[in-house]
Amino acid sequence: MKELSSLQLDIVENMDRIQMLDDHQKLVQDELGTIQ
């Protein structure tokens, strides 16, 4: 049972990381859009 909860924690952390990367990518695209 403990292994499962730690696996779920890893998944949640990865989802947070993916969301941060996604937000960052949008910011970069917005900045590139204003430059062009």
PDB file of N, CA and C in Angstrom:
ATOM      1  N   MET A   1       0.833  -1.206   0.000  1.00  0.00           N
ATOM      2  CA  MET A   1       0.000   0.000   0.000  1.00  0.00           C
ATOM      3  C   MET A   1       0.869   1.258   0.000  1.00  0.00           C
ATOM      4  N   LYS A   2       1.951   1.222   0.771  1.00  0.00           N
ATOM      5  CA  LYS A   2       2.829   2.393   0.841  1.00  0.00           C
ATOM      6  C   LYS A   2       3.476   2.671  -0.521  1.00  0.00           C
ATOM      7  N   GLU A   3       3.846   1.593  -1.214  1.00  0.00           N
ATOM      8  CA  GLU A   3       4.462   1.766  -2.532  1.00  0.00           C
ATOM      9  C   GLU A   3       3.511   2.468  -3.492  1.00  0.00           C
ATOM     10  N   LEU A   4       2.249   2.100  -3.421  1.00  0.00           N
ATOM     11  CA  LEU A   4       1.247   2.699  -4.306  1.00  0.00           C
ATOM     12  C   LEU A   4       1.134   4.196  -4.057  1.00  0.00           C
ATOM     13  N   SER A   5       1.080   4.592  -2.771  1.00  0.00           N
ATOM     14  CA  SER A   5       0.918   6.017  -2.471  1.00  0.00           C
ATOM     15  C   SER A   5       2.151   6.804  -2.907  1.00  0.00           C
ATOM     16  N   SER A   6       3.340   6.215  -2.786  1.00  0.00           N
ATOM     17  CA  SER A   6       4.539   6.934  -3.226  1.00  0.00           C
ATOM     18  C   SER A   6       4.562   7.027  -4.746  1.00  0.00           C
ATOM     19  N   LEU A   7       4.039   6.013  -5.415  1.00  0.00           N
ATOM     20  CA  LEU A   7       3.939   6.058  -6.880  1.00  0.00           C
ATOM     21  C   LEU A   7       2.974   7.159  -7.296  1.00  0.00           C
ATOM     22  N   GLN A   8       1.849   7.271  -6.587  1.00  0.00           N
ATOM     23  CA  GLN A   8       0.878   8.327  -6.894  1.00  0.00           C
ATOM     24  C   GLN A   8       1.504   9.699  -6.671  1.00  0.00           C
ATOM     25  N   LEU A   9       2.328   9.827  -5.627  1.00  0.00           N
ATOM     26  CA  LEU A   9       3.012  11.097  -5.355  1.00  0.00           C
ATOM     27  C   LEU A   9       3.916  11.455  -6.529  1.00  0.00           C
ATOM     28  N   ASP A  10       4.673  10.478  -7.028  1.00  0.00           N
ATOM     29  CA  ASP A  10       5.552  10.716  -8.176  1.00  0.00           C
ATOM     30  C   ASP A  10       4.740  11.204  -9.368  1.00  0.00           C
ATOM     31  N   ILE A  11       3.591  10.580  -9.601  1.00  0.00           N
ATOM     32  CA  ILE A  11       2.743  10.962 -10.736  1.00  0.00           C
ATOM     33  C   ILE A  11       2.261  12.395 -10.571  1.00  0.00           C
ATOM     34  N   VAL A  12       1.831  12.748  -9.356  1.00  0.00           N
ATOM     35  CA  VAL A  12       1.352  14.110  -9.107  1.00  0.00           C
ATOM     36  C   VAL A  12       2.478  15.116  -9.323  1.00  0.00           C
ATOM     37  N   GLU A  13       3.679  14.795  -8.838  1.00  0.00           N
ATOM     38  CA  GLU A  13       4.820  15.698  -9.020  1.00  0.00           C
ATOM     39  C   GLU A  13       5.134  15.872 -10.501  1.00  0.00           C
ATOM     40  N   ASN A  14       5.096  14.773 -11.249  1.00  0.00           N
ATOM     41  CA  ASN A  14       5.362  14.858 -12.683  1.00  0.00           C
ATOM     42  C   ASN A  14       4.309  15.695 -13.392  1.00  0.00           C
ATOM     43  N   MET A  15       3.052  15.560 -12.977  1.00  0.00           N
ATOM     44  CA  MET A  15       1.984  16.353 -13.590  1.00  0.00           C
ATOM     45  C   MET A  15       2.202  17.837 -13.307  1.00  0.00           C
ATOM     46  N   ASP A  16       2.630  18.149 -12.078  1.00  0.00           N
ATOM     47  CA  ASP A  16       2.921  19.545 -11.735  1.00  0.00           C
ATOM     48  C   ASP A  16       4.044  20.073 -12.619  1.00  0.00           C
ATOM     49  N   ARG A  17       5.077  19.248 -12.799  1.00  0.00           N
ATOM     50  CA  ARG A  17       6.231  19.651 -13.608  1.00  0.00           C
ATOM     51  C   ARG A  17       5.811  19.881 -15.055  1.00  0.00           C
ATOM     52  N   ILE A  18       4.983  18.983 -15.580  1.00  0.00           N
ATOM     53  CA  ILE A  18       4.497  19.120 -16.957  1.00  0.00           C
ATOM     54  C   ILE A  18       3.682  20.398 -17.101  1.00  0.00           C
ATOM     55  N   GLN A  19       2.843  20.691 -16.104  1.00  0.00           N
ATOM     56  CA  GLN A  19       2.025  21.901 -16.148  1.00  0.00           C
ATOM     57  C   GLN A  19       2.911  23.144 -16.152  1.00  0.00           C
ATOM     58  N   MET A  20       3.981  23.125 -15.334  1.00  0.00           N
ATOM     59  CA  MET A  20       4.910  24.257 -15.295  1.00  0.00           C
ATOM     60  C   MET A  20       5.586  24.439 -16.648  1.00  0.00           C
ATOM     61  N   LEU A  21       6.031  23.327 -17.251  1.00  0.00           N
ATOM     62  CA  LEU A  21       6.671  23.396 -18.562  1.00  0.00           C
ATOM     63  C   LEU A  21       5.702  23.938 -19.599  1.00  0.00           C
ATOM     64  N   ASP A  22       4.456  23.498 -19.517  1.00  0.00           N
ATOM     65  CA  ASP A  22       3.429  23.943 -20.456  1.00  0.00           C
ATOM     66  C   ASP A  22       3.212  25.449 -20.334  1.00  0.00           C
ATOM     67  N   ASP A  23       3.095  25.931 -19.082  1.00  0.00           N
ATOM     68  CA  ASP A  23       2.911  27.370 -18.851  1.00  0.00           C
ATOM     69  C   ASP A  23       4.114  28.143 -19.371  1.00  0.00           C
ATOM     70  N   HIS A  24       5.309  27.624 -19.111  1.00  0.00           N
ATOM     71  CA  HIS A  24       6.532  28.293 -19.556  1.00  0.00           C
ATOM     72  C   HIS A  24       6.573  28.380 -21.078  1.00  0.00           C
ATOM     73  N   GLN A  25       6.181  27.296 -21.740  1.00  0.00           N
ATOM     74  CA  GLN A  25       6.188  27.270 -23.199  1.00  0.00           C
ATOM     75  C   GLN A  25       5.244  28.332 -23.755  1.00  0.00           C
ATOM     76  N   LYS A  26       4.083  28.493 -23.121  1.00  0.00           N
ATOM     77  CA  LYS A  26       3.123  29.507 -23.570  1.00  0.00           C
ATOM     78  C   LYS A  26       3.710  30.900 -23.398  1.00  0.00           C
ATOM     79  N   LEU A  27       4.394  31.128 -22.272  1.00  0.00           N
ATOM     80  CA  LEU A  27       5.025  32.433 -22.035  1.00  0.00           C
ATOM     81  C   LEU A  27       6.058  32.725 -23.118  1.00  0.00           C
ATOM     82  N   VAL A  28       6.882  31.736 -23.431  1.00  0.00           N
ATOM     83  CA  VAL A  28       7.920  31.912 -24.458  1.00  0.00           C
ATOM     84  C   VAL A  28       7.279  32.218 -25.804  1.00  0.00           C
ATOM     85  N   GLN A  29       6.219  31.497 -26.147  1.00  0.00           N
ATOM     86  CA  GLN A  29       5.550  31.727 -27.428  1.00  0.00           C
ATOM     87  C   GLN A  29       4.948  33.124 -27.479  1.00  0.00           C
ATOM     88  N   ASP A  30       4.386  33.580 -26.354  1.00  0.00           N
ATOM     89  CA  ASP A  30       3.825  34.935 -26.300  1.00  0.00           C
ATOM     90  C   ASP A  30       4.923  35.961 -26.540  1.00  0.00           C
ATOM     91  N   GLU A  31       6.080  35.767 -25.892  1.00  0.00           N
ATOM     92  CA  GLU A  31       7.189  36.708 -26.057  1.00  0.00           C
ATOM     93  C   GLU A  31       7.686  36.711 -27.496  1.00  0.00           C
ATOM     94  N   LEU A  32       7.798  35.532 -28.088  1.00  0.00           N
ATOM     95  CA  LEU A  32       8.229  35.453 -29.486  1.00  0.00           C
ATOM     96  C   LEU A  32       7.222  36.159 -30.383  1.00  0.00           C
ATOM     97  N   GLY A  33       5.954  36.035 -30.065  1.00  0.00           N
ATOM     98  CA  GLY A  33       4.908  36.682 -30.855  1.00  0.00           C
ATOM     99  C   GLY A  33       5.027  38.192 -30.805  1.00  0.00           C
ATOM    100  N   THR A  34       5.416  38.754 -29.665  1.00  0.00           N
ATOM    101  CA  THR A  34       5.528  40.209 -29.557  1.00  0.00           C
ATOM    102  C   THR A  34       6.779  40.718 -30.265  1.00  0.00           C
ATOM    103  N   ILE A  35       7.816  39.878 -30.328  1.00  0.00           N
ATOM    104  CA  ILE A  35       9.058  40.299 -30.996  1.00  0.00           C
ATOM    105  C   ILE A  35       8.843  40.396 -32.504  1.00  0.00           C
ATOM    106  N   GLN A  36       8.157  39.410 -33.060  1.00  0.00           N
ATOM    107  CA  GLN A  36       7.982  39.369 -34.515  1.00  0.00           C
ATOM    108  C   GLN A  36       7.026  40.440 -35.023  1.00  0.00           C
TER     109      GLN A  36
END
